[in-house]
Protein backbone atom coordinates (compact mmCIF):
# COMPACT_ATOMS: atom_id res chain seq x y z
CA MET A 1 70.88 134.70 56.17
CA THR A 2 72.46 133.73 52.73
CA VAL A 3 70.64 130.77 50.13
CA LEU A 4 72.77 128.77 50.28
CA SER A 5 71.85 128.34 54.63
CA ILE A 6 67.56 128.73 53.61
CA ILE A 7 68.37 126.25 51.32
CA ARG A 8 69.49 124.12 54.22
CA ASP A 9 66.95 124.29 56.49
CA CYS A 10 64.81 123.36 53.76
CA LEU A 11 66.93 120.58 53.36
CA ASP A 12 67.06 119.63 57.08
CA ALA A 13 63.01 120.18 57.16
CA LEU A 14 62.49 117.60 54.30
CA LEU A 15 64.88 114.84 56.58
CA HIS A 16 63.08 111.92 58.41
CA PRO A 17 64.09 111.77 61.93
CA SER A 18 65.82 108.39 62.17
CA ALA A 19 68.85 111.36 60.00
CA ARG A 20 68.49 114.63 61.81
CA TYR A 21 70.89 113.35 64.30
CA ASP A 22 73.50 111.51 63.12
CA ALA A 23 75.61 113.96 61.45
CA LEU A 24 77.03 111.50 59.09
CA MET A 25 74.12 110.88 58.05
CA ARG A 26 72.23 113.29 57.78
CA ALA A 27 74.72 115.41 55.54
CA ARG A 28 74.18 111.82 52.97
CA HIS A 29 70.39 112.85 52.51
CA ARG A 30 70.93 116.05 51.61
CA ALA A 31 73.56 115.13 49.10
CA PHE A 32 71.34 113.03 47.75
CA MET A 33 68.21 115.17 48.15
CA ALA A 34 69.26 118.59 46.62
CA PRO A 35 70.75 118.15 43.31
CA ARG A 36 67.77 115.99 42.65
CA LEU A 37 65.62 118.12 43.58
CA LEU A 38 67.33 121.14 41.62
CA GLY A 39 67.49 119.30 38.73
CA SER A 40 63.87 118.94 38.76
CA LEU A 41 62.77 121.93 39.60
CA ALA A 42 64.95 123.53 36.89
CA ALA A 43 63.66 121.28 34.27
CA PHE A 44 60.32 122.49 35.11
CA ALA A 45 61.17 125.73 34.81
CA ALA A 46 62.39 124.78 31.71
CA PHE A 47 60.06 122.97 29.72
CA PRO A 48 57.91 125.42 28.90
CA VAL A 49 60.53 127.35 26.63
CA TYR A 50 60.92 124.21 25.25
CA LEU A 51 57.96 123.79 23.75
CA VAL A 52 57.51 126.94 22.57
CA LEU A 53 60.42 126.86 20.69
CA ARG A 54 60.05 123.28 19.67
CA GLY A 55 56.44 122.79 19.27
CA ALA A 56 54.57 119.02 20.43
CA PRO A 57 57.68 117.23 22.12
CA SER A 58 58.13 112.76 20.81
CA ALA A 59 57.50 110.02 22.57
CA VAL A 60 61.22 109.92 23.68
CA GLU A 61 61.16 113.64 24.64
CA VAL A 62 57.79 112.92 27.16
CA ALA A 63 59.81 110.16 28.41
CA ALA A 64 62.76 112.51 29.12
CA PHE A 65 60.97 114.96 30.63
CA ALA A 66 58.95 112.22 32.89
CA TRP A 67 62.13 110.69 33.72
CA LEU A 68 62.74 114.43 35.53
CA ILE A 69 59.89 113.79 37.73
CA ALA A 70 61.02 110.96 39.15
CA PRO A 71 63.87 112.55 41.44
CA ILE A 72 60.98 114.75 43.49
CA LEU A 73 59.49 110.82 44.07
CA LEU A 74 62.49 109.66 45.19
CA SER A 75 62.99 112.57 47.16
CA TRP A 76 59.84 112.32 48.91
CA PHE A 77 60.33 108.59 48.90
CA LEU A 78 63.69 109.19 51.40
CA SER A 79 61.98 111.85 53.58
CA ARG A 80 58.87 109.80 54.73
CA THR A 81 61.03 106.74 54.64
CA GLY A 82 63.73 107.26 55.64
CA HIS A 83 65.74 104.08 53.68
CA TYR A 84 68.77 105.60 52.27
CA GLU A 85 69.65 102.71 50.17
CA GLY A 86 66.27 101.37 48.89
CA ALA A 87 66.50 105.57 47.47
CA HIS A 88 69.50 104.72 45.66
CA VAL A 89 67.74 101.49 44.80
CA LEU A 90 65.65 103.19 43.15
CA SER A 91 67.43 106.10 41.70
CA SER A 92 69.94 103.22 39.89
CA LEU A 93 66.22 101.72 38.51
CA ALA A 94 65.32 105.00 37.29
CA LEU A 95 68.58 106.56 35.80
CA ALA A 96 69.07 102.86 33.88
CA GLY A 97 65.23 103.09 32.54
CA LEU A 98 66.05 106.29 30.96
CA ILE A 99 69.23 105.06 29.17
CA MET A 100 67.26 102.02 28.12
CA ALA A 101 64.26 104.66 26.49
CA VAL A 102 66.73 106.81 24.36
CA ALA A 103 69.36 104.13 23.78
CA GLY A 104 66.55 102.17 22.09
CA SER A 105 65.40 104.37 20.31
CA THR A 106 68.30 106.07 19.03
CA GLY A 107 70.47 103.18 17.87
CA GLY A 108 70.96 100.33 20.57
CA ILE A 109 74.38 99.90 22.11
CA ASP A 110 75.61 102.69 19.34
CA SER A 111 73.03 105.22 20.81
CA PHE A 112 75.49 108.36 22.52
CA ALA A 113 72.71 107.10 25.69
CA ALA A 114 74.83 103.89 26.21
CA VAL A 115 77.96 105.30 27.83
CA TRP A 116 75.24 106.47 30.84
CA LEU A 117 75.52 102.94 31.63
CA VAL A 118 78.40 104.07 33.26
CA VAL A 119 77.05 106.32 35.34
CA VAL A 120 74.74 103.80 37.43
CA PRO A 121 77.23 102.05 39.33
CA LEU A 122 79.02 104.89 40.03
CA GLU A 123 75.67 106.67 41.59
CA ALA A 124 75.22 103.76 43.60
CA ALA A 125 78.73 104.42 45.24
CA LEU A 126 77.34 106.89 47.01
CA SER A 127 75.46 104.69 48.69
CA ALA A 128 78.65 103.41 50.91
CA SER A 129 76.39 100.22 50.89
CA ARG A 130 78.13 97.00 49.09
CA ARG A 131 74.74 95.89 48.24
CA VAL A 132 73.35 98.38 46.46
CA ALA A 133 76.89 99.40 44.59
CA ALA A 134 76.58 95.79 43.31
CA PHE A 135 72.64 95.57 42.42
CA ALA A 136 73.27 98.38 39.85
CA SER A 137 76.81 97.38 38.18
CA LEU A 138 74.98 94.12 37.55
CA LEU A 139 71.89 96.34 36.62
CA ALA A 140 74.38 98.34 33.88
CA LEU A 141 75.64 95.09 32.66
CA SER A 142 72.46 94.04 32.15
CA CYS A 143 70.76 96.62 30.33
CA ALA A 144 74.43 97.11 28.03
CA GLY A 145 74.15 92.95 27.21
CA LEU A 146 70.03 94.06 26.07
CA LEU A 147 71.24 96.59 24.05
CA ILE A 148 73.81 94.06 22.62
CA LEU A 149 71.51 91.56 22.16
CA GLY A 150 68.72 93.59 20.45
CA SER A 151 70.94 95.16 18.15
CA GLN A 152 72.17 91.73 16.82
CA LEU A 153 68.65 90.51 16.94
CA GLY A 154 67.10 93.72 15.43
CA TRP A 155 64.92 94.31 17.34
CA LEU A 156 66.13 97.63 17.60
CA PRO A 157 65.39 100.42 15.19
CA SER A 158 68.47 101.45 13.22
CA ALA A 159 69.72 105.40 13.83
CA ASP A 160 68.59 107.37 11.01
CA THR A 161 71.82 110.06 11.18
CA THR A 162 74.87 110.82 9.03
CA ALA A 163 77.70 110.43 10.46
CA ALA A 164 78.59 113.77 11.65
CA GLU A 165 74.89 113.86 13.47
CA ARG A 166 76.07 110.54 15.01
CA GLY A 167 79.90 111.97 16.55
CA VAL A 168 77.96 115.27 17.30
CA LEU A 169 75.33 113.54 19.42
CA MET A 170 78.00 110.57 20.77
CA ALA A 171 80.01 113.64 21.81
CA PHE A 172 76.94 115.05 23.92
CA GLY A 173 76.04 111.96 25.24
CA VAL A 174 80.31 111.36 27.08
CA ALA A 175 80.01 114.72 27.61
CA SER A 176 77.05 115.05 29.60
CA ALA A 177 78.01 111.53 31.30
CA THR A 178 81.14 113.13 32.22
CA LEU A 179 79.84 115.82 33.85
CA TYR A 180 77.04 113.92 36.19
CA ALA A 181 79.90 111.91 37.18
CA ALA A 182 82.31 114.68 37.93
CA GLY A 183 79.03 115.88 39.79
CA LEU A 184 79.15 112.37 41.74
CA ALA A 185 82.98 112.91 42.25
CA PHE A 186 82.81 116.20 44.24
CA GLY A 187 79.20 114.80 45.96
CA ALA A 188 82.04 111.98 47.45
CA GLU A 189 84.27 114.19 48.06
CA SER A 190 81.93 116.38 50.03
CA LEU A 191 80.74 113.17 51.84
CA ALA A 192 84.07 112.25 52.34
CA ARG A 193 85.39 115.37 53.70
CA THR A 194 81.86 115.70 56.19
CA SER A 195 82.65 111.92 57.65
CA VAL A 196 86.59 113.24 58.21
CA ALA A 197 85.28 116.13 59.82
CA LEU A 198 83.16 114.15 61.91
CA LEU A 199 85.55 111.54 62.83
CA SER A 200 87.71 113.96 63.83
CA ARG A 201 85.89 116.00 66.17
CA GLU A 202 84.83 113.07 67.21
CA GLU A 203 88.39 111.47 68.72
CA GLU A 204 88.79 114.96 69.76
CA ARG A 205 85.98 114.62 71.94
CA TYR A 206 86.99 111.26 73.20
CA ARG A 207 90.49 112.72 73.49
CA LEU A 208 89.52 115.39 75.38
CA LEU A 209 87.39 112.79 77.83
CA ALA A 210 90.20 110.33 77.95
CA ARG A 211 92.78 113.33 79.81
CA ASN A 212 90.02 114.53 81.49
CA MET A 213 88.65 111.99 83.48
CA SER A 214 90.08 110.70 86.56
CA ASP A 215 90.11 107.30 85.81
CA VAL A 216 92.65 105.14 83.71
CA VAL A 217 90.97 103.53 80.47
CA SER A 218 93.23 100.67 80.04
CA ARG A 219 93.40 97.85 76.55
CA HIS A 220 95.16 94.53 77.18
CA GLN A 221 96.02 91.19 76.17
CA ARG A 222 95.59 87.69 77.81
CA ASN A 223 98.68 88.20 79.35
CA GLY A 224 98.69 91.60 81.01
CA ALA A 225 99.77 93.28 77.84
CA VAL A 226 99.35 97.13 78.00
CA GLN A 227 98.03 98.03 74.47
CA PHE A 228 96.75 101.16 75.18
CA ILE A 229 96.38 102.87 78.15
CA SER A 230 95.06 106.70 79.17
CA PRO A 231 96.82 109.83 79.45
CA ALA A 232 95.26 110.13 83.43
CA ALA A 233 98.15 107.21 84.21
CA GLU A 234 100.71 109.88 84.13
CA ALA A 235 98.60 111.61 87.12
CA MET A 236 97.88 108.68 88.48
CA LEU A 237 101.61 106.95 88.75
CA GLY A 238 103.30 110.55 88.30
CA ILE A 239 105.33 108.08 84.98
CA SER A 240 104.42 108.77 81.22
CA VAL A 241 102.23 106.45 78.80
CA ALA A 242 104.76 104.94 77.07
CA GLN A 243 106.83 103.62 79.66
CA LEU A 244 103.18 101.55 80.78
CA LEU A 245 102.56 100.23 77.45
CA GLY A 246 103.57 96.58 76.93
CA HIS A 247 104.53 94.83 80.42
CA GLY A 248 105.69 98.18 81.90
CA LEU A 249 102.24 98.25 83.85
CA PHE A 250 102.71 94.88 85.15
CA ASP A 251 106.04 95.24 86.25
CA ARG A 252 104.35 98.24 88.47
CA VAL A 253 101.55 96.00 90.25
CA HIS A 254 102.83 94.70 94.22
CA VAL A 255 104.89 91.31 93.55
CA ALA A 256 101.74 90.00 96.44
CA ASP A 257 99.04 91.16 94.26
CA ARG A 258 100.52 89.90 90.13
CA PRO A 259 98.80 86.65 90.41
CA ALA A 260 95.18 88.58 90.73
CA TYR A 261 95.71 91.12 88.33
CA LEU A 262 96.74 88.59 85.59
CA THR A 263 93.49 86.25 86.71
CA ALA A 264 91.17 89.25 86.48
CA LEU A 265 92.60 89.75 83.02
CA SER A 266 92.82 86.05 82.21
CA ASP A 267 88.79 85.49 83.13
CA ALA A 268 88.03 88.76 81.60
CA ALA A 269 89.28 87.60 78.09
CA ARG A 270 86.98 84.72 78.41
CA GLY A 271 84.19 86.90 78.42
CA ASP A 272 83.38 86.91 82.17
CA VAL A 273 83.49 91.10 83.69
CA ARG A 274 85.75 90.64 86.81
CA SER A 275 86.65 94.03 89.41
CA VAL A 276 90.03 93.56 91.56
CA GLU A 277 91.67 95.62 93.64
CA PHE A 278 95.50 95.34 93.92
CA ARG A 279 98.08 97.99 94.89
CA LEU A 280 100.47 99.88 91.89
CA ARG A 281 103.46 101.73 92.92
CA ARG A 282 104.33 105.31 92.04
CA GLU A 283 106.80 107.47 91.49
CA PRO A 284 107.06 109.74 94.71
CA ASP A 285 108.11 112.99 93.82
CA GLY A 286 104.54 113.67 91.39
CA SER A 287 102.25 111.96 94.94
CA GLU A 288 99.59 114.41 95.89
CA ARG A 289 99.88 112.29 99.37
CA GLY A 290 103.33 112.97 99.97
CA GLN A 291 106.42 110.07 100.31
CA ILE A 292 103.75 107.13 98.94
CA ASP A 293 105.49 104.09 97.15
CA PHE A 294 102.13 102.11 96.97
CA LEU A 295 99.15 103.11 96.21
CA TRP A 296 95.96 101.05 95.99
CA VAL A 297 93.52 100.62 92.64
CA GLU A 298 90.25 99.15 91.46
CA MET A 299 90.22 97.64 88.14
CA ARG A 300 86.79 96.81 86.03
CA CYS A 301 88.04 94.53 83.52
CA ARG A 302 85.74 92.96 80.83
CA PRO A 303 86.28 91.49 77.17
CA LEU A 304 86.65 94.41 74.48
CA ASP A 305 84.39 92.16 72.10
CA PRO A 306 82.03 90.10 73.49
CA GLU A 307 82.07 88.36 70.04
CA MET A 308 85.09 88.18 68.55
CA GLY A 309 87.07 84.94 67.77
CA ARG A 310 83.87 83.01 66.42
CA ASP A 311 84.46 84.34 62.89
CA VAL A 312 87.87 85.64 62.88
CA PRO A 313 90.47 84.36 64.59
CA ARG A 314 92.35 86.41 66.64
CA GLU A 315 93.44 86.62 70.41
CA PRO A 316 91.10 88.71 72.70
CA GLU A 317 91.92 91.21 74.03
CA VAL A 318 90.36 93.11 77.68
CA VAL A 319 88.97 96.75 77.70
CA ALA A 320 89.24 97.89 82.07
CA VAL A 321 88.81 100.71 83.96
CA ILE A 322 91.69 101.36 87.15
CA ARG A 323 90.45 103.89 89.76
CA ASP A 324 92.42 105.45 92.28
CA VAL A 325 90.76 103.92 96.22
CA THR A 326 93.58 104.62 97.97
CA ASP A 327 91.71 106.86 99.67
CA HIS A 328 88.80 104.38 100.64
CA LYS A 329 91.49 102.00 102.33
CA LEU A 330 92.52 104.15 104.07
CA SER A 331 88.96 105.07 105.25
CA GLU A 332 88.91 101.13 105.60
CA GLN A 333 91.59 101.00 107.66
CA ALA A 334 90.39 103.80 110.13
CA LEU A 335 87.10 102.18 110.53
CA GLU A 336 88.97 98.84 111.13
CA GLN A 337 91.35 100.50 113.92
CA ALA A 338 88.58 102.21 115.19
CA ARG A 339 86.74 99.26 115.36
CA SER A 340 89.91 97.39 117.46
CA ALA A 341 89.66 101.02 119.75
CA ALA A 342 86.49 100.21 120.58
CA GLU A 343 86.55 96.48 120.96
CA ALA A 344 90.14 97.71 123.03
CA ALA A 345 88.20 100.17 125.08
CA ASP A 346 85.01 97.89 126.02
CA ALA A 347 87.34 95.47 126.48
CA ALA A 348 89.52 97.62 129.23
CA LYS A 349 86.10 98.52 130.93
CA THR A 350 85.52 95.13 131.28
CA ARG A 351 88.58 94.09 132.72
CA PHE A 352 88.48 97.43 134.91
CA LEU A 353 84.86 96.43 136.41
CA ALA A 354 86.65 93.11 137.20
CA THR A 355 89.41 94.55 138.90
CA MET A 356 88.06 96.88 141.15
CA SER A 357 84.87 94.84 141.52
CA HIS A 358 88.37 92.43 143.13
CA GLU A 359 90.59 95.50 144.49
CA LEU A 360 87.69 97.67 146.49
CA ARG A 361 85.29 94.64 147.55
CA THR A 362 87.76 93.33 149.41
CA PRO A 363 89.24 95.68 151.21
CA LEU A 364 85.78 97.59 152.04
CA ASN A 365 84.65 94.10 153.18
CA ALA A 366 87.41 94.25 155.29
CA ILE A 367 86.61 97.81 156.70
CA ILE A 368 83.29 97.57 157.24
CA GLY A 369 83.55 94.10 159.07
CA PHE A 370 86.18 94.84 161.40
CA SER A 371 84.58 98.74 162.06
CA GLU A 372 81.18 96.68 162.34
CA MET A 373 83.12 94.89 164.98
CA ILE A 374 84.75 97.90 166.95
CA ALA A 375 81.48 99.65 167.08
CA GLN A 376 80.29 96.34 169.27
CA GLU A 377 82.69 95.53 171.19
CA GLN A 378 80.85 95.80 174.32
CA THR A 379 78.90 92.98 173.31
CA LEU A 380 81.91 91.20 171.98
CA MET A 381 84.28 91.86 174.77
CA LEU A 382 87.08 92.69 172.59
CA GLY A 383 89.99 93.47 174.41
CA ALA A 384 92.38 96.20 173.49
CA ALA A 385 94.85 94.12 171.65
CA GLN A 386 92.28 93.16 169.86
CA ARG A 387 91.03 96.23 169.04
CA LYS A 388 94.52 97.68 168.17
CA GLU A 389 94.89 94.71 165.64
CA TYR A 390 90.95 95.36 163.71
CA ALA A 391 92.07 99.16 163.96
CA GLU A 392 95.58 98.39 162.16
CA LEU A 393 93.65 95.79 159.57
CA ILE A 394 91.16 99.11 158.97
CA ASN A 395 94.06 101.28 158.22
CA ALA A 396 96.34 99.21 155.96
CA SER A 397 92.57 98.46 153.95
CA GLY A 398 92.34 102.17 154.22
CA GLN A 399 95.81 102.63 152.90
CA HIS A 400 95.41 99.83 149.60
CA LEU A 401 91.81 101.80 149.18
CA LEU A 402 93.79 105.27 148.76
CA SER A 403 97.00 103.89 146.54
CA VAL A 404 93.92 102.15 143.69
CA VAL A 405 92.22 105.29 143.65
CA ASN A 406 95.13 107.29 143.57
CA GLY A 407 96.80 105.40 140.81
CA ILE A 408 93.18 105.32 138.98
CA LEU A 409 93.43 109.80 139.19
CA ASP A 410 96.83 109.46 137.89
CA MET A 411 96.58 107.49 134.93
CA SER A 412 93.35 109.50 134.10
CA LYS A 413 95.32 112.82 134.22
CA MET A 414 98.15 111.11 131.94
CA GLU A 415 95.50 109.90 129.60
CA SER A 416 93.49 113.36 129.39
CA GLY A 417 96.83 115.96 129.52
CA ASN A 418 96.13 116.87 132.06
CA PHE A 419 99.42 115.31 135.05
CA GLU A 420 101.94 118.23 134.83
CA ILE A 421 105.90 117.66 135.84
CA ALA A 422 107.53 119.82 138.57
CA SER A 423 110.81 119.76 137.18
CA GLU A 424 113.74 120.06 139.88
CA PRO A 425 117.07 119.17 140.48
CA PHE A 426 117.31 115.77 142.41
CA ALA A 427 119.82 113.18 143.70
CA PRO A 428 118.60 110.01 141.90
CA ARG A 429 120.72 108.08 144.50
CA ALA A 430 118.83 108.68 147.35
CA SER A 431 116.13 108.89 145.93
CA LEU A 432 116.97 105.14 144.50
CA LEU A 433 118.17 104.09 147.74
CA HIS A 434 115.09 105.19 149.84
CA CYS A 435 112.67 103.01 147.39
CA CYS A 436 114.27 99.85 147.80
CA ASN A 437 114.33 100.27 151.62
CA LEU A 438 111.00 101.09 151.79
CA LEU A 439 110.26 97.40 149.95
CA ALA A 440 113.03 95.43 151.78
CA LEU A 441 110.83 94.50 154.21
CA LYS A 442 108.15 93.50 151.45
CA ALA A 443 111.08 91.16 149.91
CA ARG A 444 112.32 89.92 152.88
CA GLU A 445 108.64 89.13 154.35
CA ASN A 446 108.27 87.09 150.84
CA GLY A 447 111.70 85.07 150.76
CA ILE A 448 113.28 87.21 148.21
CA ASP A 449 116.99 88.88 147.58
CA LEU A 450 116.70 92.44 146.89
CA ILE A 451 120.10 93.95 145.17
CA THR A 452 120.75 96.95 144.67
CA ASP A 453 123.71 98.54 142.94
CA ALA A 454 123.31 102.73 142.63
CA PRO A 455 127.35 104.17 143.02
CA GLN A 456 128.57 106.61 144.82
CA ASP A 457 128.96 109.25 141.61
CA LEU A 458 126.28 108.90 140.12
CA PRO A 459 125.33 113.12 138.70
CA VAL A 460 122.69 115.60 140.11
CA MET A 461 119.66 115.20 137.34
CA THR A 462 116.63 117.07 136.74
CA GLY A 463 113.29 116.06 136.72
CA ASP A 464 109.89 115.32 138.70
CA PRO A 465 111.05 113.25 142.29
CA ARG A 466 108.14 112.54 142.70
CA ALA A 467 107.35 110.80 139.32
CA PHE A 468 111.02 108.93 139.69
CA LYS A 469 110.19 108.09 143.20
CA GLN A 470 107.16 106.43 141.63
CA ILE A 471 108.29 104.65 138.84
CA VAL A 472 111.35 103.02 141.57
CA LEU A 473 108.66 101.64 143.63
CA ASN A 474 105.63 100.19 140.99
CA LEU A 475 108.44 98.95 139.40
CA VAL A 476 110.32 96.76 142.16
CA ALA A 477 106.62 95.59 143.30
CA ASN A 478 105.89 94.27 140.28
CA ALA A 479 109.32 92.42 139.81
CA ILE A 480 108.64 91.31 143.70
CA LYS A 481 105.24 90.55 143.47
CA PHE A 482 106.08 88.20 140.36
CA THR A 483 108.92 86.33 141.75
CA GLU A 484 108.27 83.11 143.35
CA ARG A 485 110.39 82.49 147.53
CA GLY A 486 113.56 82.58 146.57
CA GLY A 487 114.33 84.52 143.83
CA GLN A 488 115.90 87.32 143.58
CA VAL A 489 115.28 91.18 142.34
CA SER A 490 118.35 93.65 141.35
CA VAL A 491 118.38 97.03 140.92
CA SER A 492 120.79 98.84 139.19
CA ALA A 493 121.58 102.98 138.43
CA ALA A 494 124.64 103.95 135.11
CA VAL A 495 125.18 107.24 133.49
CA THR A 496 124.87 106.20 129.90
CA GLY A 497 126.32 109.74 127.67
CA SER A 498 123.48 112.14 128.93
CA GLN A 499 121.17 109.34 130.54
CA LEU A 500 120.39 107.56 133.23
CA MET A 501 119.68 104.36 132.88
CA LEU A 502 117.72 102.32 135.66
CA ARG A 503 117.58 98.34 135.20
CA ILE A 504 115.25 96.36 137.68
CA SER A 505 115.71 92.37 136.47
CA ASP A 506 114.14 89.79 138.40
CA THR A 507 114.00 85.60 138.53
CA GLY A 508 110.19 85.72 138.49
CA VAL A 509 107.34 83.85 136.51
CA GLY A 510 107.94 85.53 133.14
CA ILE A 511 106.19 87.10 130.56
CA ALA A 512 104.74 84.90 127.55
CA PRO A 513 105.54 86.84 123.95
CA ASP A 514 101.99 87.45 122.91
CA ASP A 515 101.71 89.42 126.37
CA LEU A 516 105.08 91.26 125.97
CA LYS A 517 103.07 93.49 123.09
CA ARG A 518 99.96 94.69 125.19
CA ILE A 519 102.19 95.03 128.43
CA GLY A 520 101.51 99.12 129.28
CA ALA A 521 98.40 99.33 128.58
CA PRO A 522 95.91 100.19 131.27
CA PHE A 523 94.18 97.68 133.39
CA PHE A 524 96.06 94.89 131.66
CA GLN A 525 97.71 92.03 133.54
CA ALA A 526 99.89 89.62 131.61
CA GLY A 527 99.40 85.97 132.12
CA LYS A 528 95.95 83.41 132.67
CA THR A 529 97.84 80.96 135.39
CA TYR A 530 99.15 84.09 137.78
CA GLN A 531 96.73 86.56 137.45
CA ARG A 532 94.74 86.69 140.54
CA ARG A 533 97.27 84.93 142.61
CA HIS A 534 98.32 88.69 142.82
CA GLU A 535 96.61 91.80 143.91
CA GLY A 536 96.71 94.76 141.29
CA THR A 537 95.06 96.85 139.34
CA GLY A 538 96.91 96.36 135.91
CA LEU A 539 97.53 100.27 136.15
CA GLY A 540 101.34 99.65 137.84
CA LEU A 541 103.60 99.74 134.49
CA SER A 542 101.29 102.06 132.68
CA ILE A 543 101.39 104.62 134.80
CA VAL A 544 105.37 103.91 135.06
CA LYS A 545 105.55 103.84 130.69
CA SER A 546 103.69 107.28 131.20
CA LEU A 547 105.41 109.12 133.28
CA VAL A 548 108.43 107.91 130.70
CA ALA A 549 106.98 109.20 127.88
CA LEU A 550 106.63 112.73 130.30
CA HIS A 551 109.92 112.73 130.54
CA LEU A 552 110.74 112.38 126.97
CA GLY A 553 112.54 108.79 128.00
CA GLU A 554 112.61 105.57 126.84
CA LEU A 555 111.11 101.79 128.47
CA THR A 556 112.41 98.74 127.35
CA VAL A 557 110.87 95.57 128.37
CA GLN A 558 112.84 92.18 127.94
CA SER A 559 111.26 88.66 129.27
CA LYS A 560 110.66 85.25 128.18
CA LEU A 561 108.37 82.81 130.08
CA GLY A 562 109.67 81.53 133.36
CA GLU A 563 113.12 82.70 133.26
CA GLY A 564 112.23 86.19 134.88
CA THR A 565 112.26 90.09 133.63
CA ALA A 566 114.49 92.86 133.22
CA VAL A 567 112.42 96.31 133.03
CA THR A 568 115.57 98.89 131.14
CA VAL A 569 114.39 102.54 131.58
CA ARG A 570 116.05 105.81 130.27
CA LEU A 571 115.24 109.10 131.10
CA PRO A 572 117.54 112.38 130.31
CA LEU A 573 119.74 113.98 133.21
CA VAL A 574 118.98 117.41 132.11
CA TYR A 575 114.50 117.17 131.10
CA THR A 576 114.05 119.65 129.00
CA PRO A 577 109.95 120.73 128.82
CA PRO A 578 108.99 119.54 124.77
CA GLN A 579 107.22 122.97 123.25
CA VAL A 580 103.93 120.52 122.21
CA LYS A 581 100.74 120.08 123.30
CA PRO A 582 99.57 117.52 126.00
CA ALA A 583 97.56 115.71 123.38
CA ASP A 584 100.84 115.22 120.98
CA GLU A 585 102.08 112.68 123.65
CA LYS A 586 99.92 110.24 123.11
CA ALA A 587 101.38 109.64 119.64
CA SER A 588 104.87 109.37 120.56
CA GLU A 589 103.70 105.97 123.14
CA SER A 590 104.31 103.70 120.62
CA LYS A 591 107.76 104.78 119.84
CA ILE A 592 109.16 104.98 124.03
CA ALA A 593 108.14 101.08 124.77
CA THR A 594 110.03 99.02 122.52
CA LEU A 595 108.61 94.73 124.15
CA THR A 596 111.16 92.09 123.00
CA PRO A 597 111.50 88.90 124.56
CA VAL A 598 114.94 88.02 124.90
CA LEU A 599 116.59 84.87 126.55
CA ARG A 600 117.50 84.35 130.41
CA GLN A 601 121.01 83.73 130.15
CA GLU A 602 121.20 87.19 128.45
CA SER A 603 120.34 88.57 131.67
CA GLN A 604 122.25 86.30 133.82
CA ASP A 605 125.34 87.50 131.44
CA GLN A 606 124.14 91.39 132.42
CA THR A 607 123.63 90.86 136.00
CA GLN A 608 126.35 88.77 136.71
CA ASP A 609 128.57 92.36 134.61
CA GLN A 610 127.85 94.67 137.46
CA PRO A 611 129.88 95.35 140.26
CA ALA A 612 129.97 96.98 143.92
CA LEU A 613 126.27 94.72 144.43
CA VAL A 614 124.88 95.80 148.12
CA LYS A 615 122.59 92.90 148.79
CA LYS A 616 119.39 93.21 151.47
CA SER A 617 117.58 89.90 152.02
CA ALA A 618 116.25 87.48 155.15
């Protein structure tokens, strides 16, 4: 441990608590107390030696030594109160009092001590206070004026010294004042160096904070121009800070969000605290989320100085903190999608219960009722023809129940990914004609023309023949169901490239544009006016959509309300099972069905262009 460290520790122990936590104030208190305590201690140590060599001191010498006690009192005052400016005021008074005492007894303004009046304001300059410096300057001028006035009026004794002695004393006064001023200069330089070091350390601390914090700190003018922005903007936006200054940041704000951005800054410039969310364009190369064009940010802005503009006419500025909230927005979107999915599931459950209550209750009532009548044939006196009719009705109701249950089971298998495609070669023309022949009787009973166009040269394709028939049966049955008497249903097949294109069009009631967006959803039945006029569970098109997806095909529905519907199915001639998990097939459903409304005239034109029509009608 060195002597300087011991002295520093002793001085720190004397410091007032208010100065112990401020490095600059601690250095100023040390600079004030150290020279005064050391000078006083040195004077006290030299006083006995002075008495031995000189003898009894004069009144002036006693006053000079008494003045040496004043620095100890000043240091004690500062240590006890912590009033730094007050200590400097007392020090100026003590120094001016000593100068006046010495100069008044040694010739007034002509005394060698008068030059020390220049030191009084210099010493006060160390206080870093304009008030103390002004007080010390006025005090020095007042003392000089009193010495001049006293000398002119003869109030002060004249110096009884020769010219040589006056020269020696004057040289001593100038030299001592110069040395004292030099000490003050070194003290001021030390304080300035300490202040610069502390400022540099503080700037480095804030610079380190600005470089390592994830939020972006910026300073704006009222019109949004950026005057300063922290380096965190480079990591957030993938662009240098220099390109964001001025209106560079504003140019990257999404066009739709710019009014809210400027409004928030304008309100903050008027003294309010504002928070706004908007989108910022970022460079895709440096994005952590991949190729993303915009990210969501939240900006909290407030006036840089709420008191600014009252005394000094100056344009108000705004300080803002910008935070990336893209993950939060994605979470909100995920929650919204989950909520929508839950609501859709709840609505689907409601539709399912409503549909099943109708589709199951009606045939079950028929089965129960007619079976009870057959069981009581002796009581009711039923004949053979009536028993046969009732049995046929029971069989038809049972078949209907079986089709409903099979549809639900197939849909459940497809949604769970357990529906397997049994791929094998088959002739699509034969399967298509077979399906149309099965539904020809139903079309004839409804008074609908069923027209089939199946070219002889359709090639053999590879796929699941059962699924292919189910696709055709569901689509043709739907077209017949929703076509009024006297209408027409057209079924055509053709090869385009490596795909087989099936087109089933009708002149039925059509589908509204709003319902087109939901076509293919389980248990959804389009329309309101005709919804309950036709039986069904709403699973037909959903099953078709899933089967087409399992075959890696495409489904397109075109319709216009009141003019008819055209469904186009494209299936690969050679089905190759994908090397993906069944659960991944659900993610591709949105790419399979393209639902766009089309004018009836277009569908009529396309129908007229198909040659070799085979007509099956009543």
